[in-house]
Amino acid sequence: MSLQQQFDQAVADSKNLPERPDNMTLLKIYALYKQGSSGDATGDRPGMTDFVNRAKYDAWAALQGTSQEDAQQQYVDLIGELKG
């Protein structure tokens, strides 16, 4: 199975985890997904009053320079751990 297929399967699996991850883990999942599917963060950083989207953007931006393949592999590994 290719890395892209594993990534796609992990995305599907992420919707059916046995329990909801904590917020920091959810941010990591989001950031790895965005980096793995889109590459480095783009667009403007959300404003101070948009706490949720600002945190999501910052988590994604923190992965800048990580290759899409590395991010996909980290995503696959993280979802695998959360599945148990």
PDB file of N, CA and C in Angstrom:
ATOM      1  N   MET A   1       0.853  -1.177   0.000  1.00  0.00           N
ATOM      2  CA  MET A   1       0.000   0.000   0.000  1.00  0.00           C
ATOM      3  C   MET A   1       0.902   1.243   0.000  1.00  0.00           C
ATOM      4  N   SER A   2       0.603   2.184  -0.878  1.00  0.00           N
ATOM      5  CA  SER A   2       1.427   3.387  -0.970  1.00  0.00           C
ATOM      6  C   SER A   2       1.190   4.295   0.232  1.00  0.00           C
ATOM      7  N   LEU A   3       2.109   5.217   0.450  1.00  0.00           N
ATOM      8  CA  LEU A   3       1.965   6.172   1.544  1.00  0.00           C
ATOM      9  C   LEU A   3       0.683   6.983   1.369  1.00  0.00           C
ATOM     10  N   GLN A   4       0.384   7.390   0.126  1.00  0.00           N
ATOM     11  CA  GLN A   4      -0.838   8.159  -0.124  1.00  0.00           C
ATOM     12  C   GLN A   4      -2.080   7.343   0.252  1.00  0.00           C
ATOM     13  N   GLN A   5      -2.076   6.060  -0.063  1.00  0.00           N
ATOM     14  CA  GLN A   5      -3.208   5.199   0.310  1.00  0.00           C
ATOM     15  C   GLN A   5      -3.301   5.045   1.823  1.00  0.00           C
ATOM     16  N   GLN A   6      -2.156   4.895   2.487  1.00  0.00           N
ATOM     17  CA  GLN A   6      -2.151   4.801   3.955  1.00  0.00           C
ATOM     18  C   GLN A   6      -2.679   6.091   4.567  1.00  0.00           C
ATOM     19  N   PHE A   7      -2.259   7.230   4.006  1.00  0.00           N
ATOM     20  CA  PHE A   7      -2.703   8.541   4.484  1.00  0.00           C
ATOM     21  C   PHE A   7      -4.215   8.666   4.317  1.00  0.00           C
ATOM     22  N   ASP A   8      -4.722   8.318   3.131  1.00  0.00           N
ATOM     23  CA  ASP A   8      -6.166   8.388   2.887  1.00  0.00           C
ATOM     24  C   ASP A   8      -6.937   7.496   3.848  1.00  0.00           C
ATOM     25  N   GLN A   9      -6.415   6.297   4.129  1.00  0.00           N
ATOM     26  CA  GLN A   9      -7.065   5.389   5.071  1.00  0.00           C
ATOM     27  C   GLN A   9      -7.038   5.968   6.484  1.00  0.00           C
ATOM     28  N   ALA A  10      -5.907   6.581   6.862  1.00  0.00           N
ATOM     29  CA  ALA A  10      -5.796   7.182   8.195  1.00  0.00           C
ATOM     30  C   ALA A  10      -6.778   8.348   8.346  1.00  0.00           C
ATOM     31  N   VAL A  11      -6.977   9.122   7.271  1.00  0.00           N
ATOM     32  CA  VAL A  11      -7.962  10.212   7.306  1.00  0.00           C
ATOM     33  C   VAL A  11      -9.347   9.628   7.582  1.00  0.00           C
ATOM     34  N   ALA A  12      -9.692   8.541   6.894  1.00  0.00           N
ATOM     35  CA  ALA A  12     -10.982   7.883   7.132  1.00  0.00           C
ATOM     36  C   ALA A  12     -11.058   7.350   8.560  1.00  0.00           C
ATOM     37  N   ASP A  13      -9.972   6.723   9.017  1.00  0.00           N
ATOM     38  CA  ASP A  13      -9.943   6.162  10.374  1.00  0.00           C
ATOM     39  C   ASP A  13     -10.056   7.242  11.436  1.00  0.00           C
ATOM     40  N   SER A  14      -9.549   8.437  11.151  1.00  0.00           N
ATOM     41  CA  SER A  14      -9.560   9.519  12.153  1.00  0.00           C
ATOM     42  C   SER A  14     -10.983   9.926  12.523  1.00  0.00           C
ATOM     43  N   LYS A  15     -11.941   9.630  11.672  1.00  0.00           N
ATOM     44  CA  LYS A  15     -13.337   9.980  11.938  1.00  0.00           C
ATOM     45  C   LYS A  15     -14.016   8.954  12.842  1.00  0.00           C
ATOM     46  N   ASN A  16     -13.347   7.837  13.096  1.00  0.00           N
ATOM     47  CA  ASN A  16     -13.942   6.747  13.882  1.00  0.00           C
ATOM     48  C   ASN A  16     -13.035   6.289  15.024  1.00  0.00           C
ATOM     49  N   LEU A  17     -12.349   7.227  15.668  1.00  0.00           N
ATOM     50  CA  LEU A  17     -11.467   6.849  16.769  1.00  0.00           C
ATOM     51  C   LEU A  17     -12.301   6.404  17.971  1.00  0.00           C
ATOM     52  N   PRO A  18     -11.761   5.481  18.790  1.00  0.00           N
ATOM     53  CA  PRO A  18     -12.529   4.985  19.938  1.00  0.00           C
ATOM     54  C   PRO A  18     -12.864   6.078  20.958  1.00  0.00           C
ATOM     55  N   GLU A  19     -12.003   7.073  21.088  1.00  0.00           N
ATOM     56  CA  GLU A  19     -12.315   8.197  21.979  1.00  0.00           C
ATOM     57  C   GLU A  19     -11.763   9.477  21.380  1.00  0.00           C
ATOM     58  N   ARG A  20     -12.394  10.592  21.769  1.00  0.00           N
ATOM     59  CA  ARG A  20     -11.994  11.889  21.225  1.00  0.00           C
ATOM     60  C   ARG A  20     -10.650  12.291  21.820  1.00  0.00           C
ATOM     61  N   PRO A  21      -9.657  12.603  20.959  1.00  0.00           N
ATOM     62  CA  PRO A  21      -8.352  13.040  21.471  1.00  0.00           C
ATOM     63  C   PRO A  21      -8.464  14.398  22.189  1.00  0.00           C
ATOM     64  N   ASP A  22      -7.477  14.688  23.032  1.00  0.00           N
ATOM     65  CA  ASP A  22      -7.454  16.000  23.692  1.00  0.00           C
ATOM     66  C   ASP A  22      -7.152  17.086  22.652  1.00  0.00           C
ATOM     67  N   ASN A  23      -7.348  18.337  23.052  1.00  0.00           N
ATOM     68  CA  ASN A  23      -7.224  19.446  22.106  1.00  0.00           C
ATOM     69  C   ASN A  23      -5.837  19.553  21.486  1.00  0.00           C
ATOM     70  N   MET A  24      -4.778  19.305  22.255  1.00  0.00           N
ATOM     71  CA  MET A  24      -3.424  19.394  21.701  1.00  0.00           C
ATOM     72  C   MET A  24      -3.222  18.310  20.629  1.00  0.00           C
ATOM     73  N   THR A  25      -3.742  17.130  20.870  1.00  0.00           N
ATOM     74  CA  THR A  25      -3.630  16.057  19.885  1.00  0.00           C
ATOM     75  C   THR A  25      -4.461  16.380  18.649  1.00  0.00           C
ATOM     76  N   LEU A  26      -5.651  16.954  18.860  1.00  0.00           N
ATOM     77  CA  LEU A  26      -6.481  17.357  17.719  1.00  0.00           C
ATOM     78  C   LEU A  26      -5.764  18.395  16.862  1.00  0.00           C
ATOM     79  N   LEU A  27      -5.074  19.332  17.500  1.00  0.00           N
ATOM     80  CA  LEU A  27      -4.308  20.335  16.751  1.00  0.00           C
ATOM     81  C   LEU A  27      -3.196  19.668  15.943  1.00  0.00           C
ATOM     82  N   LYS A  28      -2.537  18.689  16.546  1.00  0.00           N
ATOM     83  CA  LYS A  28      -1.459  17.981  15.855  1.00  0.00           C
ATOM     84  C   LYS A  28      -2.021  17.212  14.656  1.00  0.00           C
ATOM     85  N   ILE A  29      -3.171  16.558  14.851  1.00  0.00           N
ATOM     86  CA  ILE A  29      -3.821  15.838  13.752  1.00  0.00           C
ATOM     87  C   ILE A  29      -4.140  16.807  12.620  1.00  0.00           C
ATOM     88  N   TYR A  30      -4.734  17.949  12.966  1.00  0.00           N
ATOM     89  CA  TYR A  30      -5.095  18.952  11.961  1.00  0.00           C
ATOM     90  C   TYR A  30      -3.852  19.436  11.211  1.00  0.00           C
ATOM     91  N   ALA A  31      -2.819  19.798  11.960  1.00  0.00           N
ATOM     92  CA  ALA A  31      -1.609  20.353  11.349  1.00  0.00           C
ATOM     93  C   ALA A  31      -0.943  19.333  10.423  1.00  0.00           C
ATOM     94  N   LEU A  32      -0.835  18.091  10.861  1.00  0.00           N
ATOM     95  CA  LEU A  32      -0.218  17.058  10.027  1.00  0.00           C
ATOM     96  C   LEU A  32      -1.064  16.784   8.783  1.00  0.00           C
ATOM     97  N   TYR A  33      -2.398  16.828   8.941  1.00  0.00           N
ATOM     98  CA  TYR A  33      -3.268  16.645   7.786  1.00  0.00           C
ATOM     99  C   TYR A  33      -3.047  17.759   6.761  1.00  0.00           C
ATOM    100  N   LYS A  34      -3.054  19.008   7.246  1.00  0.00           N
ATOM    101  CA  LYS A  34      -2.883  20.145   6.337  1.00  0.00           C
ATOM    102  C   LYS A  34      -1.510  20.112   5.660  1.00  0.00           C
ATOM    103  N   GLN A  35      -0.467  19.823   6.433  1.00  0.00           N
ATOM    104  CA  GLN A  35       0.888  19.772   5.874  1.00  0.00           C
ATOM    105  C   GLN A  35       0.994  18.609   4.885  1.00  0.00           C
ATOM    106  N   GLY A  36       0.396  17.481   5.225  1.00  0.00           N
ATOM    107  CA  GLY A  36       0.461  16.302   4.370  1.00  0.00           C
ATOM    108  C   GLY A  36      -0.347  16.430   3.099  1.00  0.00           C
ATOM    109  N   SER A  37      -1.400  17.231   3.137  1.00  0.00           N
ATOM    110  CA  SER A  37      -2.250  17.353   1.956  1.00  0.00           C
ATOM    111  C   SER A  37      -1.991  18.624   1.164  1.00  0.00           C
ATOM    112  N   SER A  38      -1.515  19.690   1.837  1.00  0.00           N
ATOM    113  CA  SER A  38      -1.371  20.990   1.159  1.00  0.00           C
ATOM    114  C   SER A  38       0.041  21.565   1.183  1.00  0.00           C
ATOM    115  N   GLY A  39       0.920  21.021   2.015  1.00  0.00           N
ATOM    116  CA  GLY A  39       2.254  21.607   2.143  1.00  0.00           C
ATOM    117  C   GLY A  39       2.260  22.724   3.176  1.00  0.00           C
ATOM    118  N   ASP A  40       3.245  23.625   3.059  1.00  0.00           N
ATOM    119  CA  ASP A  40       3.413  24.694   4.051  1.00  0.00           C
ATOM    120  C   ASP A  40       2.181  25.588   4.151  1.00  0.00           C
ATOM    121  N   ALA A  41       1.993  26.137   5.343  1.00  0.00           N
ATOM    122  CA  ALA A  41       0.851  27.010   5.630  1.00  0.00           C
ATOM    123  C   ALA A  41       0.808  28.186   4.655  1.00  0.00           C
ATOM    124  N   THR A  42      -0.398  28.514   4.241  1.00  0.00           N
ATOM    125  CA  THR A  42      -0.616  29.631   3.335  1.00  0.00           C
ATOM    126  C   THR A  42      -1.714  30.519   3.894  1.00  0.00           C
ATOM    127  N   GLY A  43      -1.839  31.704   3.343  1.00  0.00           N
ATOM    128  CA  GLY A  43      -2.885  32.622   3.776  1.00  0.00           C
ATOM    129  C   GLY A  43      -2.449  33.435   4.973  1.00  0.00           C
ATOM    130  N   ASP A  44      -3.339  34.318   5.396  1.00  0.00           N
ATOM    131  CA  ASP A  44      -3.047  35.188   6.529  1.00  0.00           C
ATOM    132  C   ASP A  44      -3.389  34.498   7.840  1.00  0.00           C
ATOM    133  N   ARG A  45      -2.619  34.825   8.865  1.00  0.00           N
ATOM    134  CA  ARG A  45      -2.876  34.296  10.198  1.00  0.00           C
ATOM    135  C   ARG A  45      -4.164  34.936  10.732  1.00  0.00           C
ATOM    136  N   PRO A  46      -5.106  34.116  11.233  1.00  0.00           N
ATOM    137  CA  PRO A  46      -6.349  34.683  11.770  1.00  0.00           C
ATOM    138  C   PRO A  46      -6.085  35.659  12.915  1.00  0.00           C
ATOM    139  N   GLY A  47      -7.008  36.577  13.117  1.00  0.00           N
ATOM    140  CA  GLY A  47      -6.871  37.618  14.138  1.00  0.00           C
ATOM    141  C   GLY A  47      -6.945  37.091  15.557  1.00  0.00           C
ATOM    142  N   MET A  48      -6.596  37.962  16.496  1.00  0.00           N
ATOM    143  CA  MET A  48      -6.536  37.616  17.922  1.00  0.00           C
ATOM    144  C   MET A  48      -7.870  37.081  18.465  1.00  0.00           C
ATOM    145  N   THR A  49      -8.982  37.542  17.939  1.00  0.00           N
ATOM    146  CA  THR A  49     -10.276  37.132  18.484  1.00  0.00           C
ATOM    147  C   THR A  49     -10.738  35.781  17.957  1.00  0.00           C
ATOM    148  N   ASP A  50     -10.097  35.276  16.930  1.00  0.00           N
ATOM    149  CA  ASP A  50     -10.461  33.981  16.346  1.00  0.00           C
ATOM    150  C   ASP A  50      -9.534  32.909  16.916  1.00  0.00           C
ATOM    151  N   PHE A  51      -9.733  32.586  18.184  1.00  0.00           N
ATOM    152  CA  PHE A  51      -8.810  31.721  18.924  1.00  0.00           C
ATOM    153  C   PHE A  51      -8.612  30.351  18.283  1.00  0.00           C
ATOM    154  N   VAL A  52      -9.714  29.709  17.912  1.00  0.00           N
ATOM    155  CA  VAL A  52      -9.638  28.344  17.397  1.00  0.00           C
ATOM    156  C   VAL A  52      -8.865  28.299  16.079  1.00  0.00           C
ATOM    157  N   ASN A  53      -9.268  29.131  15.128  1.00  0.00           N
ATOM    158  CA  ASN A  53      -8.594  29.102  13.828  1.00  0.00           C
ATOM    159  C   ASN A  53      -7.164  29.612  13.915  1.00  0.00           C
ATOM    160  N   ARG A  54      -6.893  30.515  14.837  1.00  0.00           N
ATOM    161  CA  ARG A  54      -5.525  30.999  15.036  1.00  0.00           C
ATOM    162  C   ARG A  54      -4.637  29.865  15.557  1.00  0.00           C
ATOM    163  N   ALA A  55      -5.150  29.087  16.503  1.00  0.00           N
ATOM    164  CA  ALA A  55      -4.382  27.959  17.051  1.00  0.00           C
ATOM    165  C   ALA A  55      -4.142  26.909  15.962  1.00  0.00           C
ATOM    166  N   LYS A  56      -5.155  26.658  15.142  1.00  0.00           N
ATOM    167  CA  LYS A  56      -5.004  25.691  14.066  1.00  0.00           C
ATOM    168  C   LYS A  56      -3.956  26.162  13.057  1.00  0.00           C
ATOM    169  N   TYR A  57      -4.016  27.438  12.701  1.00  0.00           N
ATOM    170  CA  TYR A  57      -3.054  27.998  11.754  1.00  0.00           C
ATOM    171  C   TYR A  57      -1.635  27.922  12.330  1.00  0.00           C
ATOM    172  N   ASP A  58      -1.484  28.294  13.604  1.00  0.00           N
ATOM    173  CA  ASP A  58      -0.159  28.271  14.233  1.00  0.00           C
ATOM    174  C   ASP A  58       0.414  26.855  14.290  1.00  0.00           C
ATOM    175  N   ALA A  59      -0.443  25.872  14.564  1.00  0.00           N
ATOM    176  CA  ALA A  59       0.014  24.479  14.610  1.00  0.00           C
ATOM    177  C   ALA A  59       0.492  24.037  13.224  1.00  0.00           C
ATOM    178  N   TRP A  60      -0.236  24.437  12.192  1.00  0.00           N
ATOM    179  CA  TRP A  60       0.153  24.103  10.818  1.00  0.00           C
ATOM    180  C   TRP A  60       1.443  24.830  10.449  1.00  0.00           C
ATOM    181  N   ALA A  61       1.514  26.120  10.756  1.00  0.00           N
ATOM    182  CA  ALA A  61       2.697  26.915  10.405  1.00  0.00           C
ATOM    183  C   ALA A  61       3.953  26.386  11.096  1.00  0.00           C
ATOM    184  N   ALA A  62       3.792  25.775  12.278  1.00  0.00           N
ATOM    185  CA  ALA A  62       4.938  25.232  13.015  1.00  0.00           C
ATOM    186  C   ALA A  62       5.600  24.073  12.255  1.00  0.00           C
ATOM    187  N   LEU A  63       4.888  23.479  11.317  1.00  0.00           N
ATOM    188  CA  LEU A  63       5.426  22.358  10.535  1.00  0.00           C
ATOM    189  C   LEU A  63       6.087  22.811   9.238  1.00  0.00           C
ATOM    190  N   GLN A  64       6.210  24.112   9.045  1.00  0.00           N
ATOM    191  CA  GLN A  64       6.789  24.630   7.804  1.00  0.00           C
ATOM    192  C   GLN A  64       8.130  23.968   7.528  1.00  0.00           C
ATOM    193  N   GLY A  65       8.312  23.554   6.286  1.00  0.00           N
ATOM    194  CA  GLY A  65       9.555  22.903   5.888  1.00  0.00           C
ATOM    195  C   GLY A  65       9.501  21.395   5.979  1.00  0.00           C
ATOM    196  N   THR A  66       8.476  20.850   6.664  1.00  0.00           N
ATOM    197  CA  THR A  66       8.298  19.404   6.727  1.00  0.00           C
ATOM    198  C   THR A  66       7.755  18.948   5.376  1.00  0.00           C
ATOM    199  N   SER A  67       8.347  17.930   4.798  1.00  0.00           N
ATOM    200  CA  SER A  67       7.854  17.459   3.496  1.00  0.00           C
ATOM    201  C   SER A  67       6.459  16.871   3.661  1.00  0.00           C
ATOM    202  N   GLN A  68       5.704  16.901   2.571  1.00  0.00           N
ATOM    203  CA  GLN A  68       4.363  16.331   2.620  1.00  0.00           C
ATOM    204  C   GLN A  68       4.431  14.843   2.969  1.00  0.00           C
ATOM    205  N   GLU A  69       5.443  14.148   2.468  1.00  0.00           N
ATOM    206  CA  GLU A  69       5.583  12.718   2.753  1.00  0.00           C
ATOM    207  C   GLU A  69       5.854  12.478   4.239  1.00  0.00           C
ATOM    208  N   ASP A  70       6.733  13.278   4.839  1.00  0.00           N
ATOM    209  CA  ASP A  70       7.009  13.132   6.272  1.00  0.00           C
ATOM    210  C   ASP A  70       5.751  13.407   7.089  1.00  0.00           C
ATOM    211  N   ALA A  71       5.027  14.452   6.720  1.00  0.00           N
ATOM    212  CA  ALA A  71       3.803  14.787   7.442  1.00  0.00           C
ATOM    213  C   ALA A  71       2.770  13.678   7.296  1.00  0.00           C
ATOM    214  N   GLN A  72       2.661  13.115   6.102  1.00  0.00           N
ATOM    215  CA  GLN A  72       1.714  12.022   5.898  1.00  0.00           C
ATOM    216  C   GLN A  72       2.091  10.819   6.760  1.00  0.00           C
ATOM    217  N   GLN A  73       3.383  10.493   6.819  1.00  0.00           N
ATOM    218  CA  GLN A  73       3.821   9.346   7.616  1.00  0.00           C
ATOM    219  C   GLN A  73       3.554   9.596   9.095  1.00  0.00           C
ATOM    220  N   GLN A  74       3.833  10.804   9.584  1.00  0.00           N
ATOM    221  CA  GLN A  74       3.557  11.131  10.983  1.00  0.00           C
ATOM    222  C   GLN A  74       2.063  11.048  11.275  1.00  0.00           C
ATOM    223  N   TYR A  75       1.243  11.490  10.328  1.00  0.00           N
ATOM    224  CA  TYR A  75      -0.210  11.423  10.481  1.00  0.00           C
ATOM    225  C   TYR A  75      -0.673   9.967  10.584  1.00  0.00           C
ATOM    226  N   VAL A  76      -0.186   9.131   9.658  1.00  0.00           N
ATOM    227  CA  VAL A  76      -0.526   7.704   9.658  1.00  0.00           C
ATOM    228  C   VAL A  76      -0.132   7.079  10.999  1.00  0.00           C
ATOM    229  N   ASP A  77       1.071   7.375  11.469  1.00  0.00           N
ATOM    230  CA  ASP A  77       1.559   6.808  12.730  1.00  0.00           C
ATOM    231  C   ASP A  77       0.707   7.271  13.912  1.00  0.00           C
ATOM    232  N   LEU A  78       0.370   8.563  13.948  1.00  0.00           N
ATOM    233  CA  LEU A  78      -0.411   9.118  15.057  1.00  0.00           C
ATOM    234  C   LEU A  78      -1.816   8.513  15.091  1.00  0.00           C
ATOM    235  N   ILE A  79      -2.471   8.441  13.955  1.00  0.00           N
ATOM    236  CA  ILE A  79      -3.807   7.853  13.919  1.00  0.00           C
ATOM    237  C   ILE A  79      -3.752   6.376  14.302  1.00  0.00           C
ATOM    238  N   GLY A  80      -2.693   5.686  13.860  1.00  0.00           N
ATOM    239  CA  GLY A  80      -2.517   4.281  14.249  1.00  0.00           C
ATOM    240  C   GLY A  80      -2.407   4.120  15.751  1.00  0.00           C
ATOM    241  N   GLU A  81      -1.660   5.012  16.401  1.00  0.00           N
ATOM    242  CA  GLU A  81      -1.539   4.969  17.872  1.00  0.00           C
ATOM    243  C   GLU A  81      -2.887   5.232  18.530  1.00  0.00           C
ATOM    244  N   LEU A  82      -3.639   6.192  18.014  1.00  0.00           N
ATOM    245  CA  LEU A  82      -4.915   6.557  18.624  1.00  0.00           C
ATOM    246  C   LEU A  82      -5.987   5.471  18.424  1.00  0.00           C
ATOM    247  N   LYS A  83      -5.844   4.706  17.342  1.00  0.00           N
ATOM    248  CA  LYS A  83      -6.783   3.607  17.105  1.00  0.00           C
ATOM    249  C   LYS A  83      -6.578   2.477  18.103  1.00  0.00           C
ATOM    250  N   GLY A  84      -5.359   2.376  18.615  1.00  0.00           N
ATOM    251  CA  GLY A  84      -5.069   1.358  19.612  1.00  0.00           C
ATOM    252  C   GLY A  84      -4.627   0.039  19.048  1.00  0.00           C
TER     253      GLY A  84
END
